Each structure stands twice: as C-alpha cells, then as structure tokens.
N, C-alpha and C. Protein backbone atom coordinates (compact mmCIF):
# COMPACT_ATOMS: atom_id res chain seq x y z
N MET A 1 110.15 113.95 119.33
CA MET A 1 108.67 113.92 118.94
C MET A 1 108.21 115.00 117.99
N ILE A 2 107.33 114.79 116.86
CA ILE A 2 107.21 115.81 115.74
C ILE A 2 105.56 116.31 116.14
N SER A 3 105.52 117.50 115.57
CA SER A 3 104.04 118.10 115.64
C SER A 3 103.29 117.36 114.68
N PRO A 4 102.05 116.74 115.19
CA PRO A 4 101.21 116.12 114.18
C PRO A 4 100.89 116.81 113.09
N TRP A 5 100.73 118.21 113.08
CA TRP A 5 100.48 119.20 111.94
C TRP A 5 101.70 118.79 110.79
N LEU A 6 102.76 118.67 111.16
CA LEU A 6 104.03 118.44 110.45
C LEU A 6 103.92 117.18 109.79
N CYS A 7 103.41 116.02 110.66
CA CYS A 7 103.24 114.78 110.24
C CYS A 7 102.27 114.78 109.16
N LEU A 8 101.27 115.61 109.25
CA LEU A 8 100.26 115.64 108.25
C LEU A 8 100.54 116.11 106.98
N VAL A 9 101.66 117.26 107.05
CA VAL A 9 102.15 117.72 105.67
C VAL A 9 103.16 116.49 105.19
N ILE A 10 103.80 116.08 106.02
CA ILE A 10 104.81 114.76 105.50
C ILE A 10 103.90 113.72 104.88
N SER A 11 102.74 113.32 105.52
CA SER A 11 101.88 112.30 104.91
C SER A 11 101.47 112.79 103.45
N TYR A 12 101.10 114.05 103.48
CA TYR A 12 100.42 114.56 102.16
C TYR A 12 101.46 114.51 100.91
N ALA A 13 103.07 114.94 101.40
CA ALA A 13 104.06 114.97 100.71
C ALA A 13 104.51 113.34 100.04
N ILE A 14 104.38 112.56 101.06
CA ILE A 14 104.59 111.20 100.69
C ILE A 14 103.50 110.69 99.64
N GLY A 15 102.34 110.96 99.74
CA GLY A 15 101.19 110.62 98.94
C GLY A 15 101.43 111.28 97.59
N SER A 16 101.82 112.33 97.60
CA SER A 16 101.88 113.19 96.37
C SER A 16 103.06 112.34 95.49
N ILE A 17 104.00 111.78 95.91
CA ILE A 17 105.15 111.00 94.98
C ILE A 17 104.38 110.41 94.05
N PRO A 18 104.51 111.02 92.80
CA PRO A 18 103.67 110.53 91.44
C PRO A 18 104.57 109.25 90.65
N TRP A 19 104.60 107.92 91.45
CA TRP A 19 105.40 106.87 90.91
C TRP A 19 104.99 106.60 89.51
N ALA A 20 103.71 106.63 89.04
CA ALA A 20 103.45 106.19 87.61
C ALA A 20 104.07 107.37 86.73
N PHE A 21 103.87 108.74 87.14
CA PHE A 21 104.45 109.71 86.13
C PHE A 21 106.00 109.53 86.03
N ILE A 22 106.63 109.21 87.25
CA ILE A 22 108.18 108.89 87.29
C ILE A 22 108.38 107.71 86.42
N ALA A 23 107.71 106.61 86.58
CA ALA A 23 107.94 105.38 85.61
C ALA A 23 107.80 105.71 84.14
N GLY A 24 106.86 106.58 83.84
CA GLY A 24 106.48 107.19 82.33
C GLY A 24 107.87 107.71 82.11
N LYS A 25 108.26 108.74 82.85
CA LYS A 25 109.59 109.73 82.23
C LYS A 25 110.72 108.92 82.01
N VAL A 26 110.92 107.71 83.14
CA VAL A 26 112.08 106.83 82.71
C VAL A 26 111.91 106.20 81.51
N GLU A 27 110.88 105.90 80.81
CA GLU A 27 110.65 105.30 79.70
C GLU A 27 110.57 106.51 78.58
N GLY A 28 110.50 107.65 78.94
CA GLY A 28 110.53 108.76 78.08
C GLY A 28 109.29 109.10 77.54
N ILE A 29 108.13 108.83 78.28
CA ILE A 29 106.75 109.33 77.91
C ILE A 29 106.08 109.80 79.07
N ASP A 30 105.01 110.57 78.85
CA ASP A 30 104.17 111.03 79.85
C ASP A 30 102.91 110.28 79.74
N LEU A 31 102.72 109.68 81.01
CA LEU A 31 101.59 108.66 80.95
C LEU A 31 100.33 109.36 80.85
N ARG A 32 100.12 110.66 81.32
CA ARG A 32 99.03 111.32 81.13
C ARG A 32 98.56 111.36 79.85
N GLU A 33 99.63 111.25 78.64
CA GLU A 33 99.02 111.27 77.39
C GLU A 33 98.87 109.89 76.64
N HIS A 34 99.01 108.79 77.37
CA HIS A 34 98.89 107.39 76.73
C HIS A 34 98.04 106.68 77.70
N GLY A 35 97.43 105.67 76.84
CA GLY A 35 96.30 104.82 77.43
C GLY A 35 95.26 105.54 77.95
N SER A 36 94.80 105.27 79.21
CA SER A 36 93.62 105.91 79.78
C SER A 36 94.09 107.46 80.22
N GLY A 37 95.27 107.75 80.26
CA GLY A 37 95.82 109.13 80.81
C GLY A 37 95.74 109.30 82.47
N ASN A 38 95.46 108.01 83.01
CA ASN A 38 95.31 108.24 84.42
C ASN A 38 96.65 107.75 85.04
N LEU A 39 97.18 108.50 86.03
CA LEU A 39 98.53 108.00 86.71
C LEU A 39 98.44 107.04 87.96
N GLY A 40 97.80 105.74 87.51
CA GLY A 40 97.72 104.75 88.25
C GLY A 40 98.34 103.54 87.94
N ALA A 41 98.46 102.49 88.60
CA ALA A 41 99.05 101.27 88.43
C ALA A 41 98.56 100.52 87.10
N THR A 42 97.15 100.69 87.00
CA THR A 42 96.59 99.85 85.86
C THR A 42 96.97 100.42 84.62
N ASN A 43 97.01 101.97 84.33
CA ASN A 43 97.59 102.50 83.17
C ASN A 43 99.03 102.05 82.82
N VAL A 44 99.87 102.08 84.14
CA VAL A 44 101.14 101.57 83.67
C VAL A 44 101.32 100.18 83.22
N VAL A 45 100.55 99.33 83.72
CA VAL A 45 100.50 97.95 83.18
C VAL A 45 100.11 97.90 81.78
N ARG A 46 99.10 98.62 81.49
CA ARG A 46 98.26 98.65 80.14
C ARG A 46 99.63 99.43 79.02
N VAL A 47 100.33 100.32 79.55
CA VAL A 47 101.29 101.06 78.46
C VAL A 47 102.86 100.51 78.81
N LEU A 48 103.19 100.37 80.08
CA LEU A 48 104.63 99.97 80.20
C LEU A 48 104.92 98.56 80.48
N GLY A 49 103.88 97.69 80.92
CA GLY A 49 104.19 96.39 81.16
C GLY A 49 103.97 95.85 82.58
N LEU A 50 103.75 94.72 82.73
CA LEU A 50 103.49 93.90 84.06
C LEU A 50 104.31 94.37 85.24
N LYS A 51 105.74 94.05 84.89
CA LYS A 51 106.68 94.44 85.85
C LYS A 51 106.65 95.82 86.42
N THR A 52 106.59 96.72 85.58
CA THR A 52 106.63 98.16 85.94
C THR A 52 105.58 98.37 86.50
N GLY A 53 104.26 97.92 86.15
CA GLY A 53 102.78 98.17 86.87
C GLY A 53 102.79 97.62 88.28
N VAL A 54 103.35 96.56 88.54
CA VAL A 54 103.47 95.87 89.80
C VAL A 54 104.20 96.80 90.65
N ALA A 55 105.37 97.18 90.19
CA ALA A 55 106.28 98.04 91.04
C ALA A 55 105.68 99.38 91.53
N VAL A 56 104.71 99.85 90.53
CA VAL A 56 104.37 101.00 90.89
C VAL A 56 102.93 100.96 91.89
N PHE A 57 102.38 99.69 91.69
CA PHE A 57 101.33 99.50 92.55
C PHE A 57 101.86 99.33 94.01
N ALA A 58 103.05 98.67 94.02
CA ALA A 58 103.37 98.49 95.47
C ALA A 58 103.88 99.94 95.92
N ALA A 59 104.51 100.55 95.12
CA ALA A 59 104.90 101.84 95.81
C ALA A 59 103.81 102.78 96.25
N ASP A 60 102.87 102.87 95.38
CA ASP A 60 101.47 103.52 95.80
C ASP A 60 100.84 102.94 97.08
N VAL A 61 100.90 101.57 97.26
CA VAL A 61 100.38 101.10 98.43
C VAL A 61 101.24 101.81 99.66
N LEU A 62 102.55 101.63 99.45
CA LEU A 62 103.55 102.08 100.48
C LEU A 62 103.25 103.49 100.83
N LYS A 63 102.98 104.24 99.86
CA LYS A 63 102.44 105.67 100.08
C LYS A 63 101.39 105.74 101.16
N GLY A 64 100.52 105.01 101.26
CA GLY A 64 99.26 105.02 102.25
C GLY A 64 99.84 104.35 103.52
N PHE A 65 100.45 103.15 103.38
CA PHE A 65 100.73 102.37 104.50
C PHE A 65 101.83 103.13 105.52
N LEU A 66 102.95 103.51 104.59
CA LEU A 66 104.07 104.20 105.71
C LEU A 66 103.56 105.07 106.61
N PRO A 67 102.93 106.17 106.01
CA PRO A 67 102.50 107.38 107.13
C PRO A 67 101.74 106.89 108.14
N VAL A 68 100.88 105.95 107.85
CA VAL A 68 99.91 105.66 108.85
C VAL A 68 100.33 104.52 109.88
N TYR A 69 101.45 103.80 109.34
CA TYR A 69 101.95 102.92 110.31
C TYR A 69 103.06 103.40 111.26
N PHE A 70 103.89 104.63 110.74
CA PHE A 70 104.94 104.87 111.34
C PHE A 70 104.80 106.31 112.09
N LEU A 71 104.27 107.00 111.31
CA LEU A 71 104.14 108.59 111.91
C LEU A 71 103.47 108.59 113.35
N PRO A 72 102.36 107.97 113.81
CA PRO A 72 101.67 108.24 115.00
C PRO A 72 102.63 107.93 116.11
N VAL A 73 103.74 106.96 115.86
CA VAL A 73 104.48 106.63 116.96
C VAL A 73 105.52 108.07 117.23
N TYR A 74 105.72 108.84 116.37
CA TYR A 74 106.64 110.02 116.50
C TYR A 74 105.46 111.23 116.73
N ALA A 75 104.36 111.17 116.38
CA ALA A 75 103.49 112.47 116.69
C ALA A 75 103.55 112.79 118.03
N ASN A 76 103.72 114.00 118.27
CA ASN A 76 103.51 114.60 119.46
C ASN A 76 101.95 114.92 120.04
N THR A 77 101.03 113.98 120.35
CA THR A 77 99.75 113.88 120.61
C THR A 77 99.39 112.86 121.53
N LEU A 78 98.32 113.07 122.19
CA LEU A 78 97.70 112.07 123.22
C LEU A 78 96.96 111.21 122.42
N ARG A 79 96.43 111.35 121.36
CA ARG A 79 95.65 110.58 120.38
C ARG A 79 96.40 110.21 119.17
N PRO A 80 97.32 109.30 119.15
CA PRO A 80 97.94 109.05 117.79
C PRO A 80 97.16 108.07 117.11
N ASP A 81 96.18 107.34 117.54
CA ASP A 81 95.26 106.50 116.85
C ASP A 81 94.31 107.25 115.88
N LEU A 82 94.04 108.44 116.58
CA LEU A 82 93.03 109.45 115.86
C LEU A 82 93.47 110.01 114.76
N TRP A 83 95.00 110.61 114.93
CA TRP A 83 95.79 111.27 114.12
C TRP A 83 96.32 110.31 112.79
N ALA A 84 96.32 108.97 113.02
CA ALA A 84 96.72 107.91 112.25
C ALA A 84 95.78 108.20 110.82
N PHE A 85 94.29 108.32 111.32
CA PHE A 85 93.34 108.36 110.27
C PHE A 85 93.54 109.66 109.20
N ALA A 86 94.08 110.63 110.21
CA ALA A 86 94.20 112.14 109.18
C ALA A 86 95.24 111.65 108.42
N PHE A 87 96.30 111.22 108.94
CA PHE A 87 97.77 111.02 108.09
C PHE A 87 97.23 110.18 106.78
N GLY A 88 96.44 109.27 106.81
CA GLY A 88 95.94 108.35 105.76
C GLY A 88 95.22 109.05 104.90
N VAL A 89 94.18 109.95 105.06
CA VAL A 89 93.63 110.74 104.30
C VAL A 89 94.51 111.71 103.47
N ALA A 90 95.55 112.32 104.50
CA ALA A 90 96.47 113.12 103.65
C ALA A 90 97.27 112.62 102.52
N ALA A 91 97.50 111.33 102.84
CA ALA A 91 98.28 110.51 101.78
C ALA A 91 97.49 110.23 100.63
N ILE A 92 96.06 109.90 100.75
CA ILE A 92 95.42 109.64 99.61
C ILE A 92 95.01 110.98 98.90
N LEU A 93 94.87 112.06 99.62
CA LEU A 93 94.72 113.24 98.98
C LEU A 93 95.87 113.64 98.20
N GLY A 94 97.05 113.29 98.71
CA GLY A 94 98.43 113.68 97.89
C GLY A 94 98.43 113.00 96.65
N HIS A 95 97.84 111.57 96.78
CA HIS A 95 97.82 110.58 95.68
C HIS A 95 97.11 111.27 94.57
N VAL A 96 95.90 111.81 94.84
CA VAL A 96 94.86 112.29 93.88
C VAL A 96 95.42 113.56 93.50
N LYS A 97 95.79 114.71 94.45
CA LYS A 97 96.21 115.89 93.97
C LYS A 97 97.51 116.01 94.49
N PRO A 98 98.63 115.57 93.54
CA PRO A 98 99.91 115.78 93.98
C PRO A 98 100.69 116.98 93.70
N VAL A 99 101.32 117.40 94.86
CA VAL A 99 101.52 118.85 94.90
C VAL A 99 102.83 118.81 93.93
N TYR A 100 103.49 117.99 93.75
CA TYR A 100 104.65 117.80 92.70
C TYR A 100 104.33 118.08 91.17
N LEU A 101 103.10 117.70 90.98
CA LEU A 101 102.49 117.97 89.69
C LEU A 101 101.43 119.27 89.66
N LEU A 102 101.71 120.13 90.73
CA LEU A 102 100.65 121.32 90.94
C LEU A 102 99.26 120.89 90.94
N GLY A 103 99.16 119.59 91.69
CA GLY A 103 97.71 119.08 92.08
C GLY A 103 96.92 118.80 90.78
N ARG A 104 97.71 118.26 89.66
CA ARG A 104 97.01 117.90 88.50
C ARG A 104 97.57 116.70 88.10
N GLY A 105 96.64 115.69 87.55
CA GLY A 105 97.00 114.51 87.06
C GLY A 105 97.44 113.43 87.93
N GLY A 106 96.79 113.41 88.96
CA GLY A 106 96.86 112.18 90.17
C GLY A 106 96.07 110.97 89.69
N GLY A 107 96.21 110.07 90.53
CA GLY A 107 95.54 108.75 90.42
C GLY A 107 94.10 109.01 91.12
N LYS A 108 93.56 107.60 91.18
CA LYS A 108 91.99 107.78 91.71
C LYS A 108 92.15 107.22 93.37
N GLY A 109 93.27 107.12 93.61
CA GLY A 109 93.43 106.67 95.03
C GLY A 109 93.15 105.38 95.57
N VAL A 110 92.93 104.47 94.80
CA VAL A 110 92.63 103.15 95.11
C VAL A 110 93.72 102.45 95.89
N ALA A 111 95.05 102.27 95.26
CA ALA A 111 96.01 101.46 95.75
C ALA A 111 96.54 102.18 96.92
N THR A 112 96.70 103.63 97.10
CA THR A 112 97.09 104.26 98.30
C THR A 112 96.06 103.96 99.47
N ALA A 113 94.73 104.12 99.25
CA ALA A 113 93.76 104.05 100.14
C ALA A 113 93.87 102.33 100.68
N ALA A 114 94.27 101.47 99.65
CA ALA A 114 94.73 100.31 100.22
C ALA A 114 95.69 99.93 101.15
N GLY A 115 96.91 100.92 100.92
CA GLY A 115 97.89 100.87 101.81
C GLY A 115 97.54 101.28 103.10
N VAL A 116 96.68 102.52 103.18
CA VAL A 116 96.22 103.08 104.51
C VAL A 116 95.56 102.16 105.33
N PHE A 117 94.71 101.26 104.63
CA PHE A 117 93.77 100.41 105.48
C PHE A 117 94.49 99.10 105.75
N LEU A 118 95.62 98.94 104.87
CA LEU A 118 96.55 97.69 105.28
C LEU A 118 97.05 97.90 106.69
N ALA A 119 97.42 99.21 106.97
CA ALA A 119 97.86 99.48 108.38
C ALA A 119 96.85 99.71 109.37
N LEU A 120 95.78 100.15 109.03
CA LEU A 120 94.66 100.45 109.99
C LEU A 120 93.99 99.06 110.25
N ALA A 121 93.57 98.28 109.24
CA ALA A 121 92.45 97.10 109.41
C ALA A 121 93.29 96.02 108.53
N PRO A 122 94.30 95.16 108.82
CA PRO A 122 94.84 94.33 108.03
C PRO A 122 93.96 93.15 107.50
N LEU A 123 92.99 92.68 108.21
CA LEU A 123 92.22 91.63 107.77
C LEU A 123 91.07 92.02 106.78
N PRO A 124 90.56 93.17 107.06
CA PRO A 124 89.30 93.75 106.10
C PRO A 124 89.93 94.38 105.04
N SER A 125 91.26 94.50 104.92
CA SER A 125 92.00 94.83 103.71
C SER A 125 92.28 93.83 102.88
N LEU A 126 92.51 92.70 103.41
CA LEU A 126 92.70 91.30 102.84
C LEU A 126 91.52 90.94 102.08
N ILE A 127 90.52 90.98 102.71
CA ILE A 127 88.96 90.54 102.29
C ILE A 127 88.76 91.46 101.03
N ALA A 128 88.84 92.81 101.31
CA ALA A 128 88.63 93.73 100.14
C ALA A 128 89.54 93.62 98.86
N PHE A 129 90.61 93.12 99.10
CA PHE A 129 91.73 92.90 98.06
C PHE A 129 91.30 91.65 97.36
N LEU A 130 90.82 90.51 98.05
CA LEU A 130 90.30 89.29 97.41
C LEU A 130 89.11 89.61 96.65
N VAL A 131 88.19 90.36 97.27
CA VAL A 131 86.85 90.73 96.42
C VAL A 131 87.25 91.56 95.08
N TRP A 132 88.30 92.28 95.30
CA TRP A 132 88.67 93.20 93.99
C TRP A 132 89.30 92.20 93.05
N CYS A 133 90.10 91.27 93.24
CA CYS A 133 90.58 90.31 92.28
C CYS A 133 89.77 89.42 91.83
N SER A 134 88.60 88.93 92.69
CA SER A 134 87.38 88.18 92.06
C SER A 134 86.62 88.97 91.03
N VAL A 135 86.17 90.08 91.42
CA VAL A 135 85.41 90.84 90.42
C VAL A 135 86.04 91.18 89.15
N PHE A 136 87.79 91.50 89.19
CA PHE A 136 88.35 91.76 88.05
C PHE A 136 88.41 90.54 87.07
N ALA A 137 88.58 89.31 88.01
CA ALA A 137 89.20 88.12 87.17
C ALA A 137 87.64 87.82 86.43
N LEU A 138 86.39 87.93 86.89
CA LEU A 138 85.27 87.58 86.47
C LEU A 138 84.59 88.50 85.25
N THR A 139 85.05 89.83 85.47
CA THR A 139 84.49 90.74 84.61
C THR A 139 85.58 91.40 83.71
N ARG A 140 86.80 91.42 84.24
CA ARG A 140 88.15 92.37 83.45
C ARG A 140 87.82 94.00 83.58
N TYR A 141 86.80 94.33 84.26
CA TYR A 141 86.61 95.76 84.59
C TYR A 141 87.22 96.25 85.70
N VAL A 142 88.54 97.03 85.58
CA VAL A 142 89.02 97.46 86.95
C VAL A 142 88.40 98.55 87.75
N SER A 143 87.56 99.35 86.86
CA SER A 143 86.61 100.26 87.53
C SER A 143 85.88 99.53 88.40
N LEU A 144 85.09 98.48 88.20
CA LEU A 144 84.12 98.04 88.71
C LEU A 144 84.60 97.27 89.82
N ALA A 145 85.76 96.47 89.73
CA ALA A 145 86.53 95.82 90.83
C ALA A 145 86.83 96.90 91.77
N SER A 146 87.32 98.09 91.41
CA SER A 146 87.88 98.97 92.39
C SER A 146 86.56 99.66 93.35
N VAL A 147 85.57 99.66 92.38
CA VAL A 147 84.11 100.35 93.34
C VAL A 147 83.63 99.09 94.24
N ILE A 148 83.49 97.88 93.64
CA ILE A 148 83.28 97.07 94.66
C ILE A 148 84.06 96.57 95.93
N GLY A 149 85.35 96.70 95.77
CA GLY A 149 86.47 96.66 96.68
C GLY A 149 86.20 97.76 97.46
N ALA A 150 85.94 98.58 97.14
CA ALA A 150 85.97 99.95 98.01
C ALA A 150 84.75 99.59 99.08
N ILE A 151 83.65 99.27 98.48
CA ILE A 151 82.23 98.93 99.31
C ILE A 151 82.85 97.80 100.26
N ALA A 152 83.37 96.82 99.87
CA ALA A 152 83.86 95.58 100.67
C ALA A 152 84.51 96.08 101.74
N MET A 153 85.27 97.23 101.85
CA MET A 153 86.06 97.44 103.00
C MET A 153 85.28 97.72 104.27
N PRO A 154 84.40 98.89 104.19
CA PRO A 154 83.83 99.19 105.27
C PRO A 154 82.73 98.00 105.98
N LEU A 155 82.31 97.28 104.63
CA LEU A 155 81.58 96.15 104.93
C LEU A 155 81.79 95.14 105.88
N SER A 156 83.37 94.79 105.44
CA SER A 156 84.46 93.70 106.11
C SER A 156 84.43 94.15 107.37
N ILE A 157 84.82 95.65 107.59
CA ILE A 157 85.26 96.23 108.96
C ILE A 157 83.72 95.89 109.73
N PHE A 158 82.67 96.39 109.40
CA PHE A 158 81.45 96.24 110.19
C PHE A 158 81.22 94.92 110.68
N ILE A 159 81.46 93.97 109.70
CA ILE A 159 81.16 92.55 109.93
C ILE A 159 82.04 91.83 111.10
N LEU A 160 83.22 92.32 111.01
CA LEU A 160 84.14 91.68 111.84
C LEU A 160 84.14 92.42 113.27
N HIS A 161 83.77 93.95 113.14
CA HIS A 161 83.67 94.55 114.48
C HIS A 161 82.48 95.37 114.42
N PRO A 162 81.28 95.01 114.36
CA PRO A 162 79.89 95.56 114.20
C PRO A 162 79.75 96.83 115.30
N ASP A 163 80.45 97.85 115.06
CA ASP A 163 80.25 99.13 115.97
C ASP A 163 80.38 100.20 114.78
N PRO A 164 78.95 100.96 114.48
CA PRO A 164 78.94 101.87 113.45
C PRO A 164 79.52 103.12 113.87
N THR A 165 80.08 103.25 115.06
CA THR A 165 80.68 104.60 115.63
C THR A 165 82.10 104.46 115.68
N ALA A 166 82.72 103.42 115.52
CA ALA A 166 84.11 103.07 115.42
C ALA A 166 84.56 104.15 114.48
N PRO A 167 85.77 104.77 114.75
CA PRO A 167 86.68 105.68 113.87
C PRO A 167 87.08 104.97 112.49
N VAL A 168 87.59 103.56 112.48
CA VAL A 168 87.93 103.11 111.45
C VAL A 168 86.88 102.79 110.50
N PHE A 169 85.51 102.43 111.12
CA PHE A 169 84.61 102.21 110.00
C PHE A 169 84.12 103.35 109.28
N LEU A 170 83.97 104.62 110.22
CA LEU A 170 83.59 105.76 109.48
C LEU A 170 84.34 106.47 108.61
N VAL A 171 85.81 106.25 108.80
CA VAL A 171 86.79 106.63 107.77
C VAL A 171 86.69 105.79 106.63
N SER A 172 86.59 104.45 106.85
CA SER A 172 86.47 103.60 105.83
C SER A 172 85.17 104.07 104.81
N VAL A 173 84.11 104.27 105.51
CA VAL A 173 82.90 104.71 104.76
C VAL A 173 83.09 105.89 103.92
N ALA A 174 83.85 106.91 104.51
CA ALA A 174 84.08 108.11 103.84
C ALA A 174 85.12 108.07 102.76
N VAL A 175 86.26 107.09 102.78
CA VAL A 175 87.19 106.71 101.84
C VAL A 175 86.40 105.93 100.63
N ALA A 176 85.64 105.06 100.99
CA ALA A 176 84.95 104.41 99.97
C ALA A 176 84.01 105.25 99.02
N ALA A 177 83.54 106.28 99.81
CA ALA A 177 82.32 107.19 99.14
C ALA A 177 83.41 108.00 98.09
N PHE A 178 84.48 108.42 98.55
CA PHE A 178 85.52 109.21 97.89
C PHE A 178 85.83 108.31 96.48
N VAL A 179 86.38 107.14 96.87
CA VAL A 179 86.89 106.49 95.71
C VAL A 179 85.63 106.19 94.56
N ILE A 180 84.51 105.90 95.26
CA ILE A 180 83.33 105.65 94.34
C ILE A 180 83.06 107.08 93.39
N GLY A 181 83.15 108.04 94.11
CA GLY A 181 83.07 109.62 93.48
C GLY A 181 84.09 109.67 92.37
N LYS A 182 85.23 109.15 92.74
CA LYS A 182 86.26 109.27 91.65
C LYS A 182 86.04 108.56 90.44
N HIS A 183 85.29 107.60 90.58
CA HIS A 183 84.87 106.65 89.28
C HIS A 183 83.33 106.81 88.92
N ARG A 184 83.11 108.14 89.05
CA ARG A 184 81.61 108.31 88.68
C ARG A 184 81.47 108.19 87.16
N ALA A 185 82.51 108.68 86.38
CA ALA A 185 82.31 108.66 85.03
C ALA A 185 82.47 107.20 84.48
N ASN A 186 83.46 106.33 85.20
CA ASN A 186 83.47 104.88 84.90
C ASN A 186 82.03 104.26 85.12
N ILE A 187 81.35 104.69 86.29
CA ILE A 187 80.23 104.04 86.86
C ILE A 187 79.32 104.51 85.40
N GLY A 188 79.27 105.53 85.02
CA GLY A 188 78.21 106.09 84.02
C GLY A 188 78.41 105.29 82.40
N ARG A 189 79.74 105.00 82.33
CA ARG A 189 80.09 104.06 81.23
C ARG A 189 79.55 102.74 81.40
N LEU A 190 79.63 102.17 82.51
CA LEU A 190 79.42 100.81 83.01
C LEU A 190 77.67 100.50 82.78
N ARG A 191 77.12 101.62 83.29
CA ARG A 191 75.63 101.59 82.95
C ARG A 191 75.12 101.54 81.61
N ARG A 192 75.99 102.34 80.70
CA ARG A 192 75.73 102.45 79.38
C ARG A 192 76.22 101.35 78.58
N GLY A 193 76.99 100.48 79.19
CA GLY A 193 77.72 99.61 78.32
C GLY A 193 78.71 100.08 77.55
N GLU A 194 79.51 101.09 77.92
CA GLU A 194 80.54 101.81 77.05
C GLU A 194 81.97 101.56 77.72
N GLU A 195 81.79 100.99 78.90
CA GLU A 195 83.25 100.70 79.50
C GLU A 195 83.98 99.76 78.89
N HIS A 196 85.34 100.19 78.90
CA HIS A 196 86.22 99.22 78.28
C HIS A 196 86.90 98.11 79.15
N ARG A 197 86.89 96.85 78.90
CA ARG A 197 87.63 95.87 79.79
C ARG A 197 88.98 96.28 79.68
N PHE A 198 89.77 95.72 80.75
CA PHE A 198 91.30 95.89 80.77
C PHE A 198 91.84 95.25 79.64
N VAL A 199 92.73 96.01 78.90
CA VAL A 199 93.21 95.64 77.56
C VAL A 199 94.74 96.00 77.51
N LYS A 200 95.72 94.81 77.47
CA LYS A 200 96.94 95.33 77.72
C LYS A 200 97.62 95.62 76.22
N THR A 201 98.43 96.69 76.30
CA THR A 201 99.44 96.76 75.02
C THR A 201 100.28 95.74 74.85
N PRO A 202 100.64 95.55 73.44
CA PRO A 202 101.66 94.57 73.16
C PRO A 202 102.78 94.40 73.81
N ALA A 203 103.40 95.45 74.16
CA ALA A 203 104.72 95.72 75.28
C ALA A 203 104.17 95.13 76.71
N ALA A 204 102.97 95.28 76.94
CA ALA A 204 102.81 94.84 78.26
C ALA A 204 102.33 93.31 78.10
N VAL A 205 102.05 92.81 77.08
CA VAL A 205 101.66 91.32 76.86
C VAL A 205 102.89 90.50 76.89
N ALA A 206 103.91 91.28 76.06
CA ALA A 206 105.21 90.84 75.84
C ALA A 206 105.91 90.71 77.23
N ASP A 207 105.90 91.53 77.86
CA ASP A 207 106.51 91.82 79.48
C ASP A 207 105.77 90.50 80.29
N GLU A 208 104.37 90.46 80.20
CA GLU A 208 103.89 89.22 81.05
C GLU A 208 104.29 87.92 80.57
N LYS A 209 104.61 87.65 79.50
CA LYS A 209 105.13 86.38 78.82
C LYS A 209 106.40 86.09 79.30
N GLU A 210 107.23 87.24 79.21
CA GLU A 210 108.66 86.91 79.70
C GLU A 210 108.77 86.53 81.20
N THR A 211 107.67 87.27 82.08
CA THR A 211 107.64 87.05 83.47
C THR A 211 107.40 85.73 83.80
N SER A 212 106.13 85.35 83.00
CA SER A 212 105.68 83.96 83.21
C SER A 212 106.60 82.81 82.88
N GLY A 213 107.36 83.10 81.87
CA GLY A 213 108.54 82.27 81.24
C GLY A 213 109.46 81.83 82.28
N ARG A 214 109.70 82.78 83.14
CA ARG A 214 111.14 82.46 84.03
C ARG A 214 110.92 81.38 85.07
C-alpha cells in the first residue's frame, strides 16, 4: 500500500506532464509562442493539426482519469473514495501549473478535468461532453463550449443524483468554478464580441483532409 500523500504527489506529477509542449517540441516549436499560446489540445489542433491535437487531448484526459481510477486502490487509507477527489484536483492543478515547466505555461484544465470526472461520474461526463460538442458545433467558440460544458457537469450530477451534500457534486461545482475562472478573459471577450472563433492553420486543415480521406 502507498501513503495517500505520496499518491497526491504522484497525481500532481502525472497531471504536470505537458503533452502539448512535448508535441510542439517534437515538431521543433514552442507552442507557447504560436497560436493562442495555450498548452491545450485546441491550440495543438490549430497549430499542429487534427491528429496531433486528438492525441494530446486523449493524453490530457488520461492525466485526470488514471490517478483517480487507479491510485485509490493502492492508497493506504480508510476513505479511498474521498482521496480520489483529492487526486483528481491534484492532477488538474498539475496540468494548470506543471512542475516540469516550473509552474508556467499550463493549460486551462478542461481535458484533464474531463478525465477526472470520467472516472468519478461517467454518465454526467458523457452528458457534459455532448453539451460541449453541441455548443461548439453551433458557435465554433471553444471557450464558450468549455464554460457551458463545465456548468453542465454539476447540473448533470445533481439531476441524476439530487443530493447537494454529495462530495462528487461539491467537487464538480468547485472544479466548474475553477474552469470558468480560467476562462474569465475569454468570457470578457465574448461579452465584448471580440472572442475569435476556432480557426485552424493551413497545416491543420490539410491534416484534417488527409484523415477524412482515408
């Protein structure tokens, strides 16, 4: 068995793996200096193409899913269910403030948070994901889709299990507030009509055509 505190450190370390940064370096660029400058899957798609973006998104989701799903089994504690929430929060913080990049240049935590709740609440996670897809398809605003998707998570949890004191609901509210806070600049631009819709670079467009043609 492993100390839950060590599991917490492991969760943060896993969450800190900067897959977007690594993907950029493989291509010889620093993604913090291209596109939106954000180390998230959206900017990877925008700059490096669809295939790379999907791979980074999946890796970022796993950063949240794996610690929450597996570590509670090995944690030396009487309440692994409660520690699972702590492991998820640690993974999200690692994504936002990655230790390997000295706490600078992380993403906004959306994909990693999705992985956390995929382990904690699979059905509400699916609902929130479908909401994200719907909002993005209608508006082409990734930021708006992320904010609405974040709100959909606690709402879905509460509708399916109407207990306002349930730990999973309380954590989902806190994570949703955190994600919305990370998008406060985007929200300001949306209100002013200055937010840019998702636009892919020519490389990303070519990559998508190649994928769809197979």
